Structure formats: C-alpha cells, structure tokens
Amino acid sequence: MTFPAGFLWGAATASYQVEGAVSEGGRGPSIWDTFAAADGKVLGGATGDVACDHYHRYPEDIGLLADLGLNAYRFSVAWPRVMPDGRTTSAAGLAFYDRLVDELLSRGVLPVLTLYHWDLPQALEDAGGWPSRDTASRFADYAAVVHAALGDRVRQWTTVNEPFCAAFLGYGSGVHAPGGQDHATALVAAHHLLLAHGLAARALTGPGHEVSLALNFAPAIPDGSSPAHAEAARKFDGIHNRFFLDPVLGRGYPADVVAAAGRFAECVRDGDTDVIAAPIDWLGVNYYAPARVTPLDDPQAPSNCPLPTLRGLDVLPAPPPLTAFGWEQSPATLTSLLTWISARSGGLPLVVAENGASFVDKVVDGRVYDAARVNYFMEHLRAVHDALGLGVDVRGYFAWSLLDNFEWAMGYTQRFGLIHVDFETQRRTVKESGRFLGRVAKANSL
C-alpha cells in the first residue's frame, strides 16, 4: 500500500493521560484531578498524578517517536497548566509547551496541537462548567493565549477533541469527569463545546495555519433490514454522529434529533450555528468501533445506551473479534465511515486523528510482541487506503496512542500504546506494533 505524498504519520496523546506533574509549574486542578480523587470513580483508584511522567520525559518520548520514523505528534495542551484558574495565564505553564514544540521541531516532527482533551480547569467547573455558556467564551480566550505563544511554530490546530464524550459521558452518564448525570444538561454542554470550537477557530488564524476539530464516530449498524431496524440506526446515528458533524458543516443541528431533545433548542441563540460552522481546513476522525443496534417492541422504551433522547432501541453486545476493551474490530466500517463523511461534507479533507486498540501486552526479553495490534493497524490502514482509492481526501493517520497511559475511568488497566510503559519504573519499551507502523511510515516517505 502506498499513500499520498505529504501524508501525516503520527501518534497521539492527551495531556492528563500522559503528563503527570499535576502540581508543578503552577498547574491548577482539573476536573479529572477531582474526579480521579473521588472514591470509586476510576478503576483501582488510579489517578493521572504521575501517569507517564511525560512532563519530565518528553525528550525521550519524542526521540522514540522520531526514531520510529513517524513525522507528526498530536498532543493536547492542559488548560489548567496554561491557565490554572481557567482565566489567568501562567508563564511557567506556557513555557512547558514552548519547550515541547521546540523539541518536536528539532527532531523533524510536526506538532499537531489540540487545545481541549477533557481536562477543564476545576475553577471553571465550579463556575458552571460546560453547561454554562460563559465557559465557551473562556475557551476562546484560552485559545488566543496559546496561539499567541506558539503560533509562530505550530501550524496545525485542533480545537476540541470528542465533544461527544466530554458532554455525554461527563454530564450525562457520569462515567467521566465531572461525573454529572443529567441528560438534558449533557445536551446543553454539547452545544457549548461546539460553540467553543467555533469561537476558538476565529482566534487560530495565521499564515499557513490549519484549523480542525476531532469527532468520534460510531457508525450504527442495524441487526436487521426492517424499517424498524433502519429507524433504530437513524436514531443512534443522529445523536452520536450527525448531532456533532452537521452543525460544523453548516447544516445546523439535525431536525430529527432536536425534535426528540425536549427543550434543547432553547439554549441555542441566534447566530450560534453560524459560529459553530466556522470554516475548518480538515476534520479529525476518531474511530474505534461501530455500534450494533436493534429496535425494541416499545418505541418509547428507554435505550440501554446512556445517550440522551434515545428511545426504542438497544445497543447489542459487540461480536468478535474483540479488543481487550471489549470493542469490535471492524476495519471495513472505517472505509464506509470515511466515504460517508466525505460525501456529506462535500469532500472536506479528513485525518484519522485516533485509531488503535488495547490488548494485553507483556515484555519478554526486552521486547513486546503484540501481533494482535500489528494486525489491527495493518487492517485499518488497508481500510484507509481503500477510502483513498474511492476518492476520499485522507491526509493523515494517527495511532492511539504513543504511550500506554492513564485510560480515564479504566485507570491503567488498558494498554493502547505503540510504546509499553512500566508505570513502576517509567521504563519505555517500543512494541512490535510501533516498529511496524514506523516501517510503513518510512516506506511511504522515500
């Protein structure tokens, strides 16, 4: 398989999952610090206090990435490190990312910067969090500060990562920080996250700068061909996929979702959808697995999937082969997803901003022979290549993740990394999957 010239080959991380150093450099607490410290919220009582210690070990980690042959690193800035209270700039916090960007450039690695990967400053949560419209304005201020500091060297900017998870898992089901459990509130939070994206996009302008956001998609696959099955798939697709994609594309919120969303429309003010539809240069596509859906006999019965507005459907257990997380492996679905987004968006450039799998890994004689992950990447890269062959403008692929890390509510029980991390010693060991992806990247850079 060959890929276009200039194709981005990278790996991704998120600040709270890898940095550690939660009390250094003037960093303030985030909602994930608070959530992880609460009893029973994270498996095993794990926290991101140390994580991969990337804050201190970033030169080593970037060196490993560059040595593999990857040419891009997608990382996120910790808002509470740059603005400990969500409003006041910390010079020490900005200095860390200044050093990080310089290290990347010195190793010939393109920095791809994400402004928000879920670590909201706790001070802003105390003031209302994402259900408060003011948080979107504060995010725009934060974007302007980071852009002013790093925009002379960073050209690739992503505003928000997976607003679906930040809203619905954080304020709806409560399985992520800050742990809210109100579906109506989650919908309002989702709108404000999208509004934050649009407001921030205005601040991220500069010569050669490209702006994006990253959405996580779960294509809905019905388990039958009846009209009821099609309706179940439509409902799931509406709230999980189209609710976030369509307003970014300038289509506004899907009418079918809004009609089922109670008083949601009351939080959308005149002009909001125009702001959300700010032009983007590419869309980040985060893909892990599809959702298998089936209708219920009672169309008003609540779904077993913890998403707002869903009634009359169930999400079925994933069929094998499964990852260690219990997620279905369906690479062909990635091809169909990329072609669907391309058609719906009129050919908008796409980047696979996250794709990867957790498996049980062991270090044996200094090596990690993760054949299952090698196969996973091989099949999903084939899916991307198939989409390219169908005319989809795909410009990059980022593996999740560069490092084994703090996997949110699952703590340290799930390993996604190209690089194995011994969390007791912080020893890094490149996995065979990392070597494989590096060989593919090098072969396509000749």
Foldseek 3Di string as FASTA:
>chain_A
DFDDPQFAQAFEDECLWAAAPCPPLQFAAFLQQVQLCDPPLFPPSFGSNCKLNCLVVVLVLLVVRLVLQGAEYEYEQQCRLQPVLLADGRPSSLVSVVVNLVSSVVSNHAYAYEHDDQGHRVNVVVVPPLLDLVSLVSLLVSLLVSCVSCVVRHQHYAYYEALVCNQCCDADVQSFPPRHHDQLSSLSSSLSSLLSLLSNVVNNDDVNHFYEYEHEDAQEAEPDDDPQSVVFRVVVCLQRPQQLQCLLLVNHRDPVQVVLSPPSCVSDDPPSSVSSNHDGQEYAYEYEAHWYKYFAPDQADAEPDRHPSHGGMYTDQEDDPAFPVSGHQDLLVVLVVLVVSCVVNVQREYEHAEYWGWHDWDQDPLATAPVVRLVSVVSNVVSVVVNVVVVHRYRYYYYPRQEQTQPGSHGNPTGTHCWYADVVVSDIGGYVSSSSSSVSSVVNND
